[in-house]
Amino acid sequence: MYRAGFDKPDFTGYEEHWGRGRIEKLQRNIIPTPLIDINSTDIRKGLAAGQDVAQVLHPSVVSYIHRHGLYKANPTKSSD
């Protein structure tokens, strides 16, 4: 897959080890995707901060995360 900020994957440097056929198959199977400049760490931080991440995650993924209470910020423990 493509990733924002990185060059298109190129496997030709591995041809000596993997063979031409495998390299051609890998090149054919590269999936072009929309490039957004965000990473999973930023998404998790946003979720922990209660930010809306609907623009970067599928609605069913957001729903699952909220339903299961994932990526919440750690509550501050009192010293009482």
PDB file of N, CA and C in Angstrom:
ATOM      1  N   MET A   1       0.837  -1.178   0.000  1.00  0.00           N
ATOM      2  CA  MET A   1       0.000   0.000   0.000  1.00  0.00           C
ATOM      3  C   MET A   1       0.883   1.242   0.000  1.00  0.00           C
ATOM      4  N   TYR A   2       0.360   2.279  -0.562  1.00  0.00           N
ATOM      5  CA  TYR A   2       1.039   3.561  -0.507  1.00  0.00           C
ATOM      6  C   TYR A   2       0.859   4.152   0.889  1.00  0.00           C
ATOM      7  N   ARG A   3       1.772   5.009   1.294  1.00  0.00           N
ATOM      8  CA  ARG A   3       1.644   5.712   2.560  1.00  0.00           C
ATOM      9  C   ARG A   3       2.112   7.151   2.342  1.00  0.00           C
ATOM     10  N   ALA A   4       1.317   8.091   2.844  1.00  0.00           N
ATOM     11  CA  ALA A   4       1.645   9.506   2.681  1.00  0.00           C
ATOM     12  C   ALA A   4       3.041   9.779   3.228  1.00  0.00           C
ATOM     13  N   GLY A   5       3.813  10.556   2.480  1.00  0.00           N
ATOM     14  CA  GLY A   5       5.154  10.920   2.909  1.00  0.00           C
ATOM     15  C   GLY A   5       6.226   9.921   2.534  1.00  0.00           C
ATOM     16  N   PHE A   6       5.851   8.847   1.859  1.00  0.00           N
ATOM     17  CA  PHE A   6       6.815   7.819   1.467  1.00  0.00           C
ATOM     18  C   PHE A   6       6.714   7.562  -0.025  1.00  0.00           C
ATOM     19  N   ASP A   7       7.792   7.077  -0.615  1.00  0.00           N
ATOM     20  CA  ASP A   7       7.787   6.726  -2.029  1.00  0.00           C
ATOM     21  C   ASP A   7       6.939   5.487  -2.271  1.00  0.00           C
ATOM     22  N   LYS A   8       6.501   5.324  -3.519  1.00  0.00           N
ATOM     23  CA  LYS A   8       5.770   4.131  -3.932  1.00  0.00           C
ATOM     24  C   LYS A   8       6.652   2.909  -3.648  1.00  0.00           C
ATOM     25  N   PRO A   9       6.073   1.825  -3.125  1.00  0.00           N
ATOM     26  CA  PRO A   9       6.875   0.624  -2.865  1.00  0.00           C
ATOM     27  C   PRO A   9       7.577   0.136  -4.129  1.00  0.00           C
ATOM     28  N   ASP A  10       8.832  -0.246  -3.982  1.00  0.00           N
ATOM     29  CA  ASP A  10       9.626  -0.754  -5.103  1.00  0.00           C
ATOM     30  C   ASP A  10      10.421  -1.959  -4.605  1.00  0.00           C
ATOM     31  N   PHE A  11      10.074  -3.115  -5.121  1.00  0.00           N
ATOM     32  CA  PHE A  11      10.693  -4.357  -4.668  1.00  0.00           C
ATOM     33  C   PHE A  11      11.813  -4.853  -5.566  1.00  0.00           C
ATOM     34  N   THR A  12      12.170  -4.069  -6.596  1.00  0.00           N
ATOM     35  CA  THR A  12      13.159  -4.542  -7.564  1.00  0.00           C
ATOM     36  C   THR A  12      14.515  -4.840  -6.930  1.00  0.00           C
ATOM     37  N   GLY A  13      14.843  -4.206  -5.841  1.00  0.00           N
ATOM     38  CA  GLY A  13      16.113  -4.474  -5.167  1.00  0.00           C
ATOM     39  C   GLY A  13      16.196  -5.866  -4.558  1.00  0.00           C
ATOM     40  N   TYR A  14      15.063  -6.554  -4.466  1.00  0.00           N
ATOM     41  CA  TYR A  14      15.023  -7.896  -3.880  1.00  0.00           C
ATOM     42  C   TYR A  14      14.962  -9.000  -4.939  1.00  0.00           C
ATOM     43  N   GLU A  15      15.030  -8.610  -6.212  1.00  0.00           N
ATOM     44  CA  GLU A  15      14.874  -9.591  -7.296  1.00  0.00           C
ATOM     45  C   GLU A  15      15.898 -10.717  -7.208  1.00  0.00           C
ATOM     46  N   GLU A  16      17.108 -10.397  -6.841  1.00  0.00           N
ATOM     47  CA  GLU A  16      18.158 -11.421  -6.733  1.00  0.00           C
ATOM     48  C   GLU A  16      17.786 -12.482  -5.688  1.00  0.00           C
ATOM     49  N   HIS A  17      17.124 -12.073  -4.631  1.00  0.00           N
ATOM     50  CA  HIS A  17      16.772 -13.003  -3.550  1.00  0.00           C
ATOM     51  C   HIS A  17      15.439 -13.706  -3.786  1.00  0.00           C
ATOM     52  N   TRP A  18      14.449 -12.967  -4.319  1.00  0.00           N
ATOM     53  CA  TRP A  18      13.097 -13.505  -4.444  1.00  0.00           C
ATOM     54  C   TRP A  18      12.737 -13.986  -5.844  1.00  0.00           C
ATOM     55  N   GLY A  19      13.483 -13.565  -6.858  1.00  0.00           N
ATOM     56  CA  GLY A  19      13.178 -13.948  -8.239  1.00  0.00           C
ATOM     57  C   GLY A  19      12.264 -12.948  -8.922  1.00  0.00           C
ATOM     58  N   ARG A  20      12.403 -12.887 -10.244  1.00  0.00           N
ATOM     59  CA  ARG A  20      11.652 -11.914 -11.039  1.00  0.00           C
ATOM     60  C   ARG A  20      10.143 -12.109 -10.942  1.00  0.00           C
ATOM     61  N   GLY A  21       9.683 -13.346 -10.969  1.00  0.00           N
ATOM     62  CA  GLY A  21       8.243 -13.629 -10.926  1.00  0.00           C
ATOM     63  C   GLY A  21       7.587 -13.105  -9.658  1.00  0.00           C
ATOM     64  N   ARG A  22       8.237 -13.321  -8.544  1.00  0.00           N
ATOM     65  CA  ARG A  22       7.677 -12.863  -7.266  1.00  0.00           C
ATOM     66  C   ARG A  22       7.656 -11.337  -7.202  1.00  0.00           C
ATOM     67  N   ILE A  23       8.713 -10.700  -7.694  1.00  0.00           N
ATOM     68  CA  ILE A  23       8.783  -9.239  -7.705  1.00  0.00           C
ATOM     69  C   ILE A  23       7.673  -8.668  -8.585  1.00  0.00           C
ATOM     70  N   GLU A  24       7.460  -9.249  -9.762  1.00  0.00           N
ATOM     71  CA  GLU A  24       6.398  -8.776 -10.653  1.00  0.00           C
ATOM     72  C   GLU A  24       5.039  -8.912  -9.990  1.00  0.00           C
ATOM     73  N   LYS A  25       4.814 -10.020  -9.291  1.00  0.00           N
ATOM     74  CA  LYS A  25       3.543 -10.221  -8.589  1.00  0.00           C
ATOM     75  C   LYS A  25       3.371  -9.181  -7.486  1.00  0.00           C
ATOM     76  N   LEU A  26       4.415  -8.931  -6.725  1.00  0.00           N
ATOM     77  CA  LEU A  26       4.334  -7.918  -5.666  1.00  0.00           C
ATOM     78  C   LEU A  26       4.012  -6.547  -6.251  1.00  0.00           C
ATOM     79  N   GLN A  27       4.668  -6.182  -7.341  1.00  0.00           N
ATOM     80  CA  GLN A  27       4.431  -4.885  -7.968  1.00  0.00           C
ATOM     81  C   GLN A  27       2.986  -4.778  -8.471  1.00  0.00           C
ATOM     82  N   ARG A  28       2.438  -5.868  -9.011  1.00  0.00           N
ATOM     83  CA  ARG A  28       1.043  -5.859  -9.486  1.00  0.00           C
ATOM     84  C   ARG A  28       0.062  -5.720  -8.333  1.00  0.00           C
ATOM     85  N   ASN A  29       0.436  -6.207  -7.157  1.00  0.00           N
ATOM     86  CA  ASN A  29      -0.479  -6.229  -6.020  1.00  0.00           C
ATOM     87  C   ASN A  29      -0.370  -5.012  -5.106  1.00  0.00           C
ATOM     88  N   ILE A  30       0.380  -4.003  -5.509  1.00  0.00           N
ATOM     89  CA  ILE A  30       0.427  -2.768  -4.732  1.00  0.00           C
ATOM     90  C   ILE A  30      -0.939  -2.103  -4.841  1.00  0.00           C
ATOM     91  N   ILE A  31      -1.487  -1.736  -3.712  1.00  0.00           N
ATOM     92  CA  ILE A  31      -2.828  -1.162  -3.670  1.00  0.00           C
ATOM     93  C   ILE A  31      -2.738   0.351  -3.580  1.00  0.00           C
ATOM     94  N   PRO A  32      -3.181   1.060  -4.617  1.00  0.00           N
ATOM     95  CA  PRO A  32      -3.204   2.520  -4.514  1.00  0.00           C
ATOM     96  C   PRO A  32      -4.357   2.928  -3.604  1.00  0.00           C
ATOM     97  N   THR A  33      -4.062   3.722  -2.621  1.00  0.00           N
ATOM     98  CA  THR A  33      -5.067   4.182  -1.667  1.00  0.00           C
ATOM     99  C   THR A  33      -4.997   5.701  -1.569  1.00  0.00           C
ATOM    100  N   PRO A  34      -6.065   6.312  -1.089  1.00  0.00           N
ATOM    101  CA  PRO A  34      -5.982   7.758  -0.867  1.00  0.00           C
ATOM    102  C   PRO A  34      -4.908   8.047   0.178  1.00  0.00           C
ATOM    103  N   LEU A  35      -4.094   9.033  -0.088  1.00  0.00           N
ATOM    104  CA  LEU A  35      -3.014   9.351   0.833  1.00  0.00           C
ATOM    105  C   LEU A  35      -3.456  10.448   1.791  1.00  0.00           C
ATOM    106  N   ILE A  36      -3.486  10.098   3.064  1.00  0.00           N
ATOM    107  CA  ILE A  36      -3.776  11.091   4.088  1.00  0.00           C
ATOM    108  C   ILE A  36      -2.564  11.151   5.011  1.00  0.00           C
ATOM    109  N   ASP A  37      -2.221  12.337   5.413  1.00  0.00           N
ATOM    110  CA  ASP A  37      -1.033  12.515   6.233  1.00  0.00           C
ATOM    111  C   ASP A  37      -1.389  12.401   7.712  1.00  0.00           C
ATOM    112  N   ILE A  38      -1.577  11.179   8.160  1.00  0.00           N
ATOM    113  CA  ILE A  38      -1.884  10.905   9.559  1.00  0.00           C
ATOM    114  C   ILE A  38      -1.358   9.516   9.875  1.00  0.00           C
ATOM    115  N   ASN A  39      -1.114   9.252  11.129  1.00  0.00           N
ATOM    116  CA  ASN A  39      -0.643   7.928  11.509  1.00  0.00           C
ATOM    117  C   ASN A  39      -1.462   7.407  12.680  1.00  0.00           C
ATOM    118  N   SER A  40      -1.320   6.147  12.964  1.00  0.00           N
ATOM    119  CA  SER A  40      -2.136   5.507  13.996  1.00  0.00           C
ATOM    120  C   SER A  40      -1.895   6.093  15.383  1.00  0.00           C
ATOM    121  N   THR A  41      -0.674   6.528  15.653  1.00  0.00           N
ATOM    122  CA  THR A  41      -0.383   7.141  16.955  1.00  0.00           C
ATOM    123  C   THR A  41      -1.215   8.402  17.137  1.00  0.00           C
ATOM    124  N   ASP A  42      -1.288   9.233  16.097  1.00  0.00           N
ATOM    125  CA  ASP A  42      -2.088  10.455  16.177  1.00  0.00           C
ATOM    126  C   ASP A  42      -3.567  10.136  16.362  1.00  0.00           C
ATOM    127  N   ILE A  43      -4.050   9.094  15.696  1.00  0.00           N
ATOM    128  CA  ILE A  43      -5.455   8.699  15.838  1.00  0.00           C
ATOM    129  C   ILE A  43      -5.728   8.241  17.269  1.00  0.00           C
ATOM    130  N   ARG A  44      -4.856   7.411  17.827  1.00  0.00           N
ATOM    131  CA  ARG A  44      -5.045   6.937  19.209  1.00  0.00           C
ATOM    132  C   ARG A  44      -5.001   8.102  20.201  1.00  0.00           C
ATOM    133  N   LYS A  45      -4.080   9.034  19.996  1.00  0.00           N
ATOM    134  CA  LYS A  45      -3.998  10.203  20.872  1.00  0.00           C
ATOM    135  C   LYS A  45      -5.277  11.033  20.772  1.00  0.00           C
ATOM    136  N   GLY A  46      -5.782  11.202  19.565  1.00  0.00           N
ATOM    137  CA  GLY A  46      -7.020  11.936  19.374  1.00  0.00           C
ATOM    138  C   GLY A  46      -8.191  11.270  20.071  1.00  0.00           C
ATOM    139  N   LEU A  47      -8.277   9.962  19.955  1.00  0.00           N
ATOM    140  CA  LEU A  47      -9.335   9.216  20.635  1.00  0.00           C
ATOM    141  C   LEU A  47      -9.234   9.377  22.151  1.00  0.00           C
ATOM    142  N   ALA A  48      -8.024   9.278  22.691  1.00  0.00           N
ATOM    143  CA  ALA A  48      -7.816   9.415  24.133  1.00  0.00           C
ATOM    144  C   ALA A  48      -8.191  10.814  24.611  1.00  0.00           C
ATOM    145  N   ALA A  49      -8.034  11.813  23.726  1.00  0.00           N
ATOM    146  CA  ALA A  49      -8.354  13.196  24.084  1.00  0.00           C
ATOM    147  C   ALA A  49      -9.824  13.526  23.816  1.00  0.00           C
ATOM    148  N   GLY A  50     -10.582  12.547  23.313  1.00  0.00           N
ATOM    149  CA  GLY A  50     -11.998  12.762  23.051  1.00  0.00           C
ATOM    150  C   GLY A  50     -12.281  13.500  21.759  1.00  0.00           C
ATOM    151  N   GLN A  51     -11.308  13.562  20.860  1.00  0.00           N
ATOM    152  CA  GLN A  51     -11.490  14.262  19.589  1.00  0.00           C
ATOM    153  C   GLN A  51     -12.310  13.419  18.617  1.00  0.00           C
ATOM    154  N   ASP A  52     -12.940  14.082  17.664  1.00  0.00           N
ATOM    155  CA  ASP A  52     -13.707  13.418  16.628  1.00  0.00           C
ATOM    156  C   ASP A  52     -12.747  12.867  15.572  1.00  0.00           C
ATOM    157  N   VAL A  53     -12.768  11.569  15.343  1.00  0.00           N
ATOM    158  CA  VAL A  53     -11.884  10.934  14.359  1.00  0.00           C
ATOM    159  C   VAL A  53     -12.665  10.373  13.170  1.00  0.00           C
ATOM    160  N   ALA A  54     -13.900  10.828  13.025  1.00  0.00           N
ATOM    161  CA  ALA A  54     -14.774  10.302  11.969  1.00  0.00           C
ATOM    162  C   ALA A  54     -14.233  10.560  10.573  1.00  0.00           C
ATOM    163  N   GLN A  55     -13.381  11.571  10.405  1.00  0.00           N
ATOM    164  CA  GLN A  55     -12.838  11.870   9.081  1.00  0.00           C
ATOM    165  C   GLN A  55     -11.719  10.922   8.670  1.00  0.00           C
ATOM    166  N   VAL A  56     -11.155  10.176   9.635  1.00  0.00           N
ATOM    167  CA  VAL A  56     -10.018   9.311   9.314  1.00  0.00           C
ATOM    168  C   VAL A  56     -10.281   7.834   9.579  1.00  0.00           C
ATOM    169  N   LEU A  57     -11.404   7.507  10.194  1.00  0.00           N
ATOM    170  CA  LEU A  57     -11.753   6.111  10.445  1.00  0.00           C
ATOM    171  C   LEU A  57     -13.151   5.820   9.922  1.00  0.00           C
ATOM    172  N   HIS A  58     -13.364   4.607   9.471  1.00  0.00           N
ATOM    173  CA  HIS A  58     -14.678   4.176   9.014  1.00  0.00           C
ATOM    174  C   HIS A  58     -15.647   4.238  10.195  1.00  0.00           C
ATOM    175  N   PRO A  59     -16.902   4.634   9.954  1.00  0.00           N
ATOM    176  CA  PRO A  59     -17.869   4.750  11.048  1.00  0.00           C
ATOM    177  C   PRO A  59     -18.026   3.475  11.889  1.00  0.00           C
ATOM    178  N   SER A  60     -17.953   2.317  11.257  1.00  0.00           N
ATOM    179  CA  SER A  60     -18.092   1.078  12.031  1.00  0.00           C
ATOM    180  C   SER A  60     -16.893   0.846  12.943  1.00  0.00           C
ATOM    181  N   VAL A  61     -15.721   1.339  12.537  1.00  0.00           N
ATOM    182  CA  VAL A  61     -14.525   1.229  13.377  1.00  0.00           C
ATOM    183  C   VAL A  61     -14.662   2.161  14.579  1.00  0.00           C
ATOM    184  N   VAL A  62     -15.110   3.396  14.327  1.00  0.00           N
ATOM    185  CA  VAL A  62     -15.325   4.346  15.418  1.00  0.00           C
ATOM    186  C   VAL A  62     -16.343   3.780  16.407  1.00  0.00           C
ATOM    187  N   SER A  63     -17.419   3.225  15.892  1.00  0.00           N
ATOM    188  CA  SER A  63     -18.457   2.634  16.743  1.00  0.00           C
ATOM    189  C   SER A  63     -17.895   1.505  17.602  1.00  0.00           C
ATOM    190  N   TYR A  64     -17.110   0.630  17.002  1.00  0.00           N
ATOM    191  CA  TYR A  64     -16.501  -0.485  17.739  1.00  0.00           C
ATOM    192  C   TYR A  64     -15.592   0.040  18.853  1.00  0.00           C
ATOM    193  N   ILE A  65     -14.779   1.043  18.537  1.00  0.00           N
ATOM    194  CA  ILE A  65     -13.858   1.609  19.526  1.00  0.00           C
ATOM    195  C   ILE A  65     -14.631   2.182  20.709  1.00  0.00           C
ATOM    196  N   HIS A  66     -15.689   2.932  20.420  1.00  0.00           N
ATOM    197  CA  HIS A  66     -16.480   3.527  21.499  1.00  0.00           C
ATOM    198  C   HIS A  66     -17.239   2.458  22.295  1.00  0.00           C
ATOM    199  N   ARG A  67     -17.804   1.489  21.604  1.00  0.00           N
ATOM    200  CA  ARG A  67     -18.575   0.424  22.255  1.00  0.00           C
ATOM    201  C   ARG A  67     -17.715  -0.380  23.228  1.00  0.00           C
ATOM    202  N   HIS A  68     -16.437  -0.560  22.875  1.00  0.00           N
ATOM    203  CA  HIS A  68     -15.552  -1.371  23.709  1.00  0.00           C
ATOM    204  C   HIS A  68     -14.629  -0.528  24.597  1.00  0.00           C
ATOM    205  N   GLY A  69     -14.815   0.781  24.569  1.00  0.00           N
ATOM    206  CA  GLY A  69     -14.041   1.662  25.436  1.00  0.00           C
ATOM    207  C   GLY A  69     -12.548   1.647  25.156  1.00  0.00           C
ATOM    208  N   LEU A  70     -12.180   1.517  23.905  1.00  0.00           N
ATOM    209  CA  LEU A  70     -10.766   1.451  23.551  1.00  0.00           C
ATOM    210  C   LEU A  70     -10.140   2.835  23.471  1.00  0.00           C
ATOM    211  N   TYR A  71      -8.856   2.912  23.749  1.00  0.00           N
ATOM    212  CA  TYR A  71      -8.027   4.112  23.584  1.00  0.00           C
ATOM    213  C   TYR A  71      -8.449   5.285  24.465  1.00  0.00           C
ATOM    214  N   LYS A  72      -9.108   5.002  25.571  1.00  0.00           N
ATOM    215  CA  LYS A  72      -9.454   6.077  26.503  1.00  0.00           C
ATOM    216  C   LYS A  72      -8.211   6.494  27.272  1.00  0.00           C
ATOM    217  N   ALA A  73      -8.183   7.771  27.642  1.00  0.00           N
ATOM    218  CA  ALA A  73      -7.077   8.259  28.454  1.00  0.00           C
ATOM    219  C   ALA A  73      -7.138   7.586  29.820  1.00  0.00           C
ATOM    220  N   ASN A  74      -5.995   7.324  30.408  1.00  0.00           N
ATOM    221  CA  ASN A  74      -5.965   6.741  31.751  1.00  0.00           C
ATOM    222  C   ASN A  74      -6.490   7.741  32.754  1.00  0.00           C
ATOM    223  N   PRO A  75      -7.469   7.347  33.574  1.00  0.00           N
ATOM    224  CA  PRO A  75      -7.978   8.287  34.577  1.00  0.00           C
ATOM    225  C   PRO A  75      -6.890   8.581  35.616  1.00  0.00           C
ATOM    226  N   THR A  76      -6.893   9.789  36.104  1.00  0.00           N
ATOM    227  CA  THR A  76      -5.931  10.177  37.133  1.00  0.00           C
ATOM    228  C   THR A  76      -6.355   9.547  38.451  1.00  0.00           C
ATOM    229  N   LYS A  77      -5.412   8.871  39.084  1.00  0.00           N
ATOM    230  CA  LYS A  77      -5.706   8.233  40.368  1.00  0.00           C
ATOM    231  C   LYS A  77      -5.482   9.232  41.482  1.00  0.00           C
ATOM    232  N   SER A  78      -6.366   9.247  42.437  1.00  0.00           N
ATOM    233  CA  SER A  78      -6.183  10.151  43.562  1.00  0.00           C
ATOM    234  C   SER A  78      -5.279   9.492  44.589  1.00  0.00           C
ATOM    235  N   SER A  79      -4.598  10.302  45.360  1.00  0.00           N
ATOM    236  CA  SER A  79      -3.672   9.763  46.350  1.00  0.00           C
ATOM    237  C   SER A  79      -4.309   9.710  47.728  1.00  0.00           C
ATOM    238  N   ASP A  80      -5.644   9.870  47.823  1.00  0.00           N
ATOM    239  CA  ASP A  80      -6.332   9.837  49.115  1.00  0.00           C
ATOM    240  C   ASP A  80      -6.358   8.465  49.704  1.00  0.00           C
TER     241      ASP A  80
END
